[in-house]
Protein backbone atom coordinates (compact mmCIF):
# COMPACT_ATOMS: atom_id res chain seq x y z
CA UNK A 1 -0.03 -0.03 -0.03
CA UNK A 2 1.39 3.32 -1.03
CA UNK A 3 1.20 6.39 1.26
CA UNK A 4 2.54 9.08 -1.11
CA UNK A 5 -0.38 11.53 -0.91
CA UNK A 6 -1.58 14.00 1.57
CA UNK A 7 -4.68 12.67 3.39
CA UNK A 8 -5.35 15.69 5.59
CA UNK A 9 -6.69 14.70 8.88
CA UNK A 10 -6.00 10.96 8.16
CA UNK A 11 -2.72 9.21 8.91
CA UNK A 12 -2.73 7.19 5.74
CA UNK A 13 -4.83 6.05 2.82
CA UNK A 14 -6.17 2.97 4.82
CA UNK A 15 -7.31 5.33 7.62
CA UNK A 16 -9.16 7.47 5.03
CA UNK A 17 -10.71 4.43 3.47
CA UNK A 18 -11.84 2.98 6.76
CA UNK A 19 -13.53 6.17 7.50
CA UNK A 20 -15.81 5.64 4.47
CA UNK A 21 -16.65 2.00 5.20
CA UNK A 22 -16.02 1.68 8.93
CA UNK A 23 -18.60 0.66 11.43
CA UNK A 24 -21.04 -2.22 11.60
CA UNK A 25 -23.45 -1.27 8.80
CA UNK A 26 -21.82 0.40 5.85
CA UNK A 27 -20.18 -2.67 4.28
CA UNK A 28 -23.43 -4.52 4.85
CA UNK A 29 -25.38 -1.74 3.04
CA UNK A 30 -23.03 -1.89 0.13
CA UNK A 31 -23.30 -5.69 0.05
CA UNK A 32 -27.08 -5.37 0.03
CA UNK A 33 -26.91 -3.00 -2.98
CA UNK A 34 -24.49 -5.27 -4.96
CA UNK A 35 -27.14 -6.64 -7.33
CA UNK A 36 -28.86 -3.41 -8.04
CA UNK A 37 -31.08 -0.65 -6.60
CA UNK A 38 -33.31 -1.13 -3.56
CA UNK A 39 -36.02 0.84 -1.95
CA UNK A 40 -35.54 1.92 1.62
CA UNK A 41 -37.79 -0.88 3.13
CA UNK A 42 -36.14 -3.67 0.96
CA UNK A 43 -32.73 -2.42 1.89
CA UNK A 44 -33.61 -2.39 5.60
CA UNK A 45 -34.85 -6.01 5.38
CA UNK A 46 -31.77 -7.04 3.51
CA UNK A 47 -29.34 -5.50 6.01
CA UNK A 48 -31.00 -6.96 9.05
CA UNK A 49 -31.41 -5.67 12.56
CA UNK A 50 -30.53 -2.07 11.68
CA UNK A 51 -32.84 0.67 12.99
CA UNK A 52 -34.57 3.03 10.58
CA UNK A 53 -32.66 5.95 12.14
CA UNK A 54 -29.36 4.26 11.80
CA UNK A 55 -29.96 3.15 8.23
CA UNK A 56 -30.90 6.79 7.24
CA UNK A 57 -27.76 8.05 8.90
CA UNK A 58 -25.45 5.44 7.31
CA UNK A 59 -27.02 6.09 3.92
CA UNK A 60 -26.49 9.83 4.25
CA UNK A 61 -22.89 9.22 5.09
CA UNK A 62 -22.34 6.85 2.20
CA UNK A 63 -24.02 9.41 -0.08
CA UNK A 64 -21.80 12.20 1.20
CA UNK A 65 -18.74 10.01 0.25
CA UNK A 66 -20.22 9.44 -3.14
CA UNK A 67 -20.46 5.68 -2.96
CA UNK A 68 -24.39 5.42 -2.77
CA UNK A 69 -26.79 7.31 -4.95
CA UNK A 70 -30.25 8.21 -3.76
CA UNK A 71 -32.95 8.50 -6.61
CA UNK A 72 -36.14 10.12 -5.67
CA UNK A 73 -39.07 9.57 -8.08
CA UNK A 74 -41.84 12.19 -8.05
CA UNK A 75 -44.85 9.95 -8.20
CA UNK A 76 -47.71 8.96 -5.95
CA UNK A 77 -46.89 7.33 -3.62
CA UNK A 78 -43.36 8.75 -3.51
CA UNK A 79 -40.57 6.23 -4.34
CA UNK A 80 -36.93 6.41 -3.40
CA UNK A 81 -34.33 3.91 -4.48
CA UNK A 82 -30.70 3.55 -3.38
CA UNK A 83 -27.90 2.17 -5.61
CA UNK A 84 -24.12 2.03 -5.64
CA UNK A 85 -22.17 4.48 -7.68
CA UNK A 86 -19.14 3.30 -9.74
CA UNK A 87 -17.08 4.41 -6.74
CA UNK A 88 -19.19 2.33 -4.43
CA UNK A 89 -18.76 -0.74 -6.74
CA UNK A 90 -14.96 -0.19 -6.65
CA UNK A 91 -15.11 0.00 -2.84
CA UNK A 92 -17.06 -3.23 -2.65
CA UNK A 93 -14.57 -4.89 -4.86
CA UNK A 94 -11.76 -3.73 -2.67
CA UNK A 95 -13.52 -5.26 0.36
CA UNK A 96 -13.69 -8.74 -1.30
CA UNK A 97 -10.18 -9.74 -0.18
CA UNK A 98 -11.16 -8.86 3.35
CA UNK A 99 -14.13 -11.33 2.97
CA UNK A 100 -11.77 -13.86 1.62
CA UNK A 101 -9.44 -13.45 4.62
CA UNK A 102 -12.34 -13.79 7.05
CA UNK A 103 -13.44 -17.03 5.21
CA UNK A 104 -10.00 -18.35 5.52
CA UNK A 105 -9.90 -17.53 9.25
CA UNK A 106 -13.47 -18.35 10.27
CA UNK A 107 -12.61 -20.54 13.17
CA UNK A 108 -10.09 -18.08 14.59
CA UNK A 109 -12.73 -15.34 14.33
CA UNK A 110 -15.52 -17.39 15.74
CA UNK A 111 -13.58 -18.70 18.72
CA UNK A 112 -12.58 -15.32 19.99
């Protein structure tokens, strides 16, 4: 991993990247959106035991980082869909090796 750039308040590129995807829910939200856009209710069911308030907060943060797109359709009843941006897809691709590592070390993780 290269650390040639200036990352402002972050100590390195990894620190900056973890800010975008860190926490319990953000990676799960991206994973849920991997196959295409979802409406809020479907996304909440897909993610699991996340509260409505937390999902809204996490989606706003992911939107602010440019990895999730919110599309609002002006129809009755109103419809909103969330999808990954190209940047979000690249981020999810970058997380794949982490999932592979966890798969290889499943017992070590589960026995902690």
